[in-house]
N, C-alpha and C. Protein backbone atom coordinates (compact mmCIF):
# COMPACT_ATOMS: atom_id res chain seq x y z
N MET A 1 1.38 80.13 -15.40
CA MET A 1 0.43 81.23 -15.57
C MET A 1 1.10 82.34 -16.38
N THR A 2 0.37 82.90 -17.30
CA THR A 2 0.85 83.99 -18.14
C THR A 2 0.91 85.28 -17.33
N ASP A 3 2.03 85.99 -17.48
CA ASP A 3 2.21 87.27 -16.77
C ASP A 3 1.55 88.37 -17.59
N LEU A 4 0.48 88.97 -17.05
CA LEU A 4 -0.23 90.06 -17.72
C LEU A 4 0.24 91.40 -17.19
N LEU A 5 0.35 92.36 -18.10
CA LEU A 5 0.75 93.72 -17.74
C LEU A 5 -0.41 94.67 -18.02
N THR A 6 -0.50 95.71 -17.22
CA THR A 6 -1.49 96.76 -17.46
C THR A 6 -0.91 97.75 -18.47
N LEU A 7 -1.75 98.64 -18.94
CA LEU A 7 -1.30 99.67 -19.85
C LEU A 7 -0.21 100.52 -19.21
N SER A 8 -0.38 100.86 -17.95
CA SER A 8 0.63 101.66 -17.24
C SER A 8 1.97 100.93 -17.15
N GLU A 9 1.92 99.63 -16.90
CA GLU A 9 3.16 98.85 -16.81
C GLU A 9 3.87 98.78 -18.15
N VAL A 10 3.11 98.63 -19.24
CA VAL A 10 3.71 98.59 -20.57
C VAL A 10 4.30 99.97 -20.91
N SER A 11 3.60 101.02 -20.53
CA SER A 11 4.08 102.37 -20.76
C SER A 11 5.42 102.58 -20.06
N THR A 12 5.53 102.14 -18.85
CA THR A 12 6.78 102.25 -18.08
C THR A 12 7.86 101.38 -18.71
N PHE A 13 7.52 100.15 -19.06
CA PHE A 13 8.48 99.22 -19.64
C PHE A 13 9.07 99.75 -20.95
N LEU A 14 8.20 100.31 -21.82
CA LEU A 14 8.65 100.80 -23.11
C LEU A 14 9.14 102.26 -23.06
N LYS A 15 8.88 102.91 -21.91
CA LYS A 15 9.28 104.30 -21.71
C LYS A 15 8.65 105.23 -22.74
N VAL A 16 7.35 105.04 -22.95
CA VAL A 16 6.57 105.91 -23.84
C VAL A 16 5.28 106.29 -23.12
N PRO A 17 4.66 107.39 -23.54
CA PRO A 17 3.41 107.81 -22.88
C PRO A 17 2.28 106.79 -23.05
N LYS A 18 1.37 106.82 -22.10
CA LYS A 18 0.20 105.92 -22.16
C LYS A 18 -0.59 106.14 -23.44
N SER A 19 -0.68 107.38 -23.89
CA SER A 19 -1.45 107.67 -25.10
C SER A 19 -0.87 106.93 -26.31
N THR A 20 0.45 106.76 -26.35
CA THR A 20 1.08 106.03 -27.45
C THR A 20 0.73 104.56 -27.37
N ILE A 21 0.71 104.00 -26.16
CA ILE A 21 0.35 102.59 -25.98
C ILE A 21 -1.10 102.38 -26.42
N TYR A 22 -2.02 103.26 -26.00
CA TYR A 22 -3.42 103.16 -26.43
C TYR A 22 -3.51 103.15 -27.95
N LYS A 23 -2.82 104.10 -28.59
CA LYS A 23 -2.89 104.22 -30.05
C LYS A 23 -2.36 102.96 -30.73
N LEU A 24 -1.19 102.49 -30.33
CA LEU A 24 -0.59 101.31 -30.95
C LEU A 24 -1.45 100.07 -30.74
N ALA A 25 -2.01 99.92 -29.54
CA ALA A 25 -2.85 98.75 -29.25
C ALA A 25 -4.15 98.82 -30.04
N ARG A 26 -4.76 99.99 -30.07
CA ARG A 26 -6.02 100.17 -30.80
C ARG A 26 -5.84 99.89 -32.29
N GLU A 27 -4.68 100.28 -32.84
CA GLU A 27 -4.39 100.05 -34.25
C GLU A 27 -3.83 98.65 -34.52
N ARG A 28 -3.74 97.85 -33.47
CA ARG A 28 -3.22 96.48 -33.55
C ARG A 28 -1.77 96.43 -34.03
N ARG A 29 -1.01 97.46 -33.68
CA ARG A 29 0.41 97.50 -34.01
C ARG A 29 1.24 97.06 -32.81
N LEU A 30 0.58 96.93 -31.66
CA LEU A 30 1.20 96.44 -30.43
C LEU A 30 0.30 95.30 -29.95
N PRO A 31 0.86 94.13 -29.63
CA PRO A 31 0.00 93.01 -29.22
C PRO A 31 -0.64 93.27 -27.86
N GLY A 32 -1.95 93.26 -27.84
CA GLY A 32 -2.67 93.48 -26.60
C GLY A 32 -4.06 92.88 -26.68
N HIS A 33 -4.72 92.81 -25.53
CA HIS A 33 -6.04 92.21 -25.44
C HIS A 33 -6.93 93.16 -24.63
N LYS A 34 -8.09 93.45 -25.16
CA LYS A 34 -9.01 94.32 -24.44
C LYS A 34 -9.96 93.46 -23.61
N VAL A 35 -10.03 93.76 -22.34
CA VAL A 35 -10.93 93.07 -21.41
C VAL A 35 -11.90 94.13 -20.90
N GLY A 36 -13.11 94.09 -21.45
CA GLY A 36 -14.05 95.17 -21.14
C GLY A 36 -13.49 96.46 -21.71
N LYS A 37 -13.28 97.46 -20.86
CA LYS A 37 -12.69 98.71 -21.33
C LYS A 37 -11.21 98.81 -20.97
N HIS A 38 -10.64 97.75 -20.46
CA HIS A 38 -9.24 97.75 -20.01
C HIS A 38 -8.36 96.95 -20.97
N TRP A 39 -7.15 97.45 -21.19
CA TRP A 39 -6.17 96.73 -22.00
C TRP A 39 -5.28 95.90 -21.10
N ARG A 40 -4.96 94.69 -21.55
CA ARG A 40 -3.99 93.83 -20.87
C ARG A 40 -3.02 93.32 -21.92
N PHE A 41 -1.77 93.14 -21.50
CA PHE A 41 -0.71 92.76 -22.40
C PHE A 41 0.06 91.58 -21.81
N VAL A 42 0.34 90.58 -22.63
CA VAL A 42 1.12 89.42 -22.20
C VAL A 42 2.60 89.82 -22.27
N ARG A 43 3.29 89.69 -21.14
CA ARG A 43 4.69 90.12 -21.06
C ARG A 43 5.53 89.52 -22.19
N GLU A 44 5.37 88.23 -22.45
CA GLU A 44 6.17 87.56 -23.47
C GLU A 44 5.91 88.14 -24.86
N GLU A 45 4.65 88.51 -25.14
CA GLU A 45 4.31 89.10 -26.44
C GLU A 45 4.95 90.48 -26.59
N ILE A 46 4.95 91.27 -25.53
CA ILE A 46 5.57 92.60 -25.56
C ILE A 46 7.08 92.47 -25.74
N GLU A 47 7.69 91.54 -25.00
CA GLU A 47 9.13 91.34 -25.13
C GLU A 47 9.49 90.88 -26.54
N ALA A 48 8.69 89.99 -27.14
CA ALA A 48 8.93 89.53 -28.51
C ALA A 48 8.75 90.69 -29.48
N TRP A 49 7.77 91.54 -29.26
CA TRP A 49 7.53 92.71 -30.10
C TRP A 49 8.75 93.62 -30.09
N VAL A 50 9.31 93.83 -28.91
CA VAL A 50 10.52 94.67 -28.80
C VAL A 50 11.69 94.01 -29.51
N GLN A 51 11.87 92.71 -29.33
CA GLN A 51 12.97 91.98 -29.96
C GLN A 51 12.88 92.06 -31.48
N ASN A 52 11.68 92.06 -32.03
CA ASN A 52 11.47 92.05 -33.47
C ASN A 52 11.26 93.44 -34.05
N SER A 53 11.53 94.46 -33.28
CA SER A 53 11.23 95.83 -33.73
C SER A 53 12.02 96.23 -34.97
N GLY A 54 13.11 95.54 -35.29
CA GLY A 54 13.88 95.86 -36.48
C GLY A 54 13.35 95.21 -37.73
N ASP A 55 12.42 94.27 -37.60
CA ASP A 55 11.85 93.61 -38.77
C ASP A 55 11.10 94.61 -39.63
N GLU A 56 11.18 94.45 -40.91
CA GLU A 56 10.47 95.34 -41.81
C GLU A 56 9.27 94.64 -42.43
N GLU A 57 8.74 93.68 -41.73
CA GLU A 57 7.58 92.93 -42.19
C GLU A 57 6.33 93.81 -42.08
N PRO A 58 5.53 93.92 -43.16
CA PRO A 58 4.34 94.75 -43.10
C PRO A 58 3.28 94.15 -42.18
N MET A 59 2.35 94.98 -41.77
CA MET A 59 1.24 94.53 -40.95
C MET A 59 0.42 93.50 -41.71
N VAL A 60 -0.25 92.64 -40.98
CA VAL A 60 -1.15 91.67 -41.60
C VAL A 60 -2.25 92.44 -42.30
N GLY A 61 -2.51 92.07 -43.56
CA GLY A 61 -3.56 92.73 -44.31
C GLY A 61 -3.10 93.96 -45.07
N ALA A 62 -1.89 94.42 -44.82
CA ALA A 62 -1.39 95.59 -45.54
C ALA A 62 -0.96 95.16 -46.94
N ALA A 63 -1.37 95.92 -47.92
CA ALA A 63 -1.01 95.60 -49.30
C ALA A 63 0.42 96.05 -49.56
N ALA A 64 1.21 95.18 -50.14
CA ALA A 64 2.60 95.49 -50.44
C ALA A 64 2.67 96.50 -51.57
N GLY A 65 3.60 97.44 -51.43
CA GLY A 65 3.86 98.37 -52.50
C GLY A 65 2.90 99.54 -52.61
N ASN A 66 2.01 99.75 -51.63
CA ASN A 66 1.12 100.89 -51.73
C ASN A 66 1.41 101.93 -50.65
N GLY A 67 2.67 102.00 -50.24
CA GLY A 67 3.06 103.00 -49.25
C GLY A 67 2.67 102.63 -47.84
N SER A 68 2.42 101.37 -47.58
CA SER A 68 2.04 100.96 -46.23
C SER A 68 3.21 101.15 -45.28
N ARG A 69 2.88 101.49 -44.05
CA ARG A 69 3.90 101.72 -43.02
C ARG A 69 4.21 100.42 -42.33
N ASP A 70 5.41 100.36 -41.73
CA ASP A 70 5.72 99.17 -40.95
C ASP A 70 4.97 99.25 -39.62
N ARG A 71 4.90 98.15 -38.92
CA ARG A 71 4.06 98.06 -37.72
C ARG A 71 4.57 98.91 -36.56
N PHE A 72 5.78 99.45 -36.64
CA PHE A 72 6.34 100.20 -35.53
C PHE A 72 6.36 101.69 -35.80
N SER A 73 5.88 102.11 -36.94
CA SER A 73 5.83 103.52 -37.28
C SER A 73 4.75 104.19 -36.42
N LEU A 74 5.03 105.38 -35.96
CA LEU A 74 4.06 106.10 -35.15
C LEU A 74 3.22 107.05 -36.00
N ASN A 75 3.42 107.06 -37.29
CA ASN A 75 2.65 107.96 -38.16
C ASN A 75 1.50 107.24 -38.81
């Protein structure tokens, strides 16, 4: 069975405010799944996201060379 985390649990795990988790998930910069009005996160996906945080791979659909931000930028 896949271990699902709530938004609060991800916030605690990453040590960032819930508002940051909402923003990153909504912008699809953090892997998450919306169930109704609630966000759920697969623990393995979050752990992989943290492990790969140094990658400079652009977001899917981002055009190269037009000033696109990396997926972990908060701006």
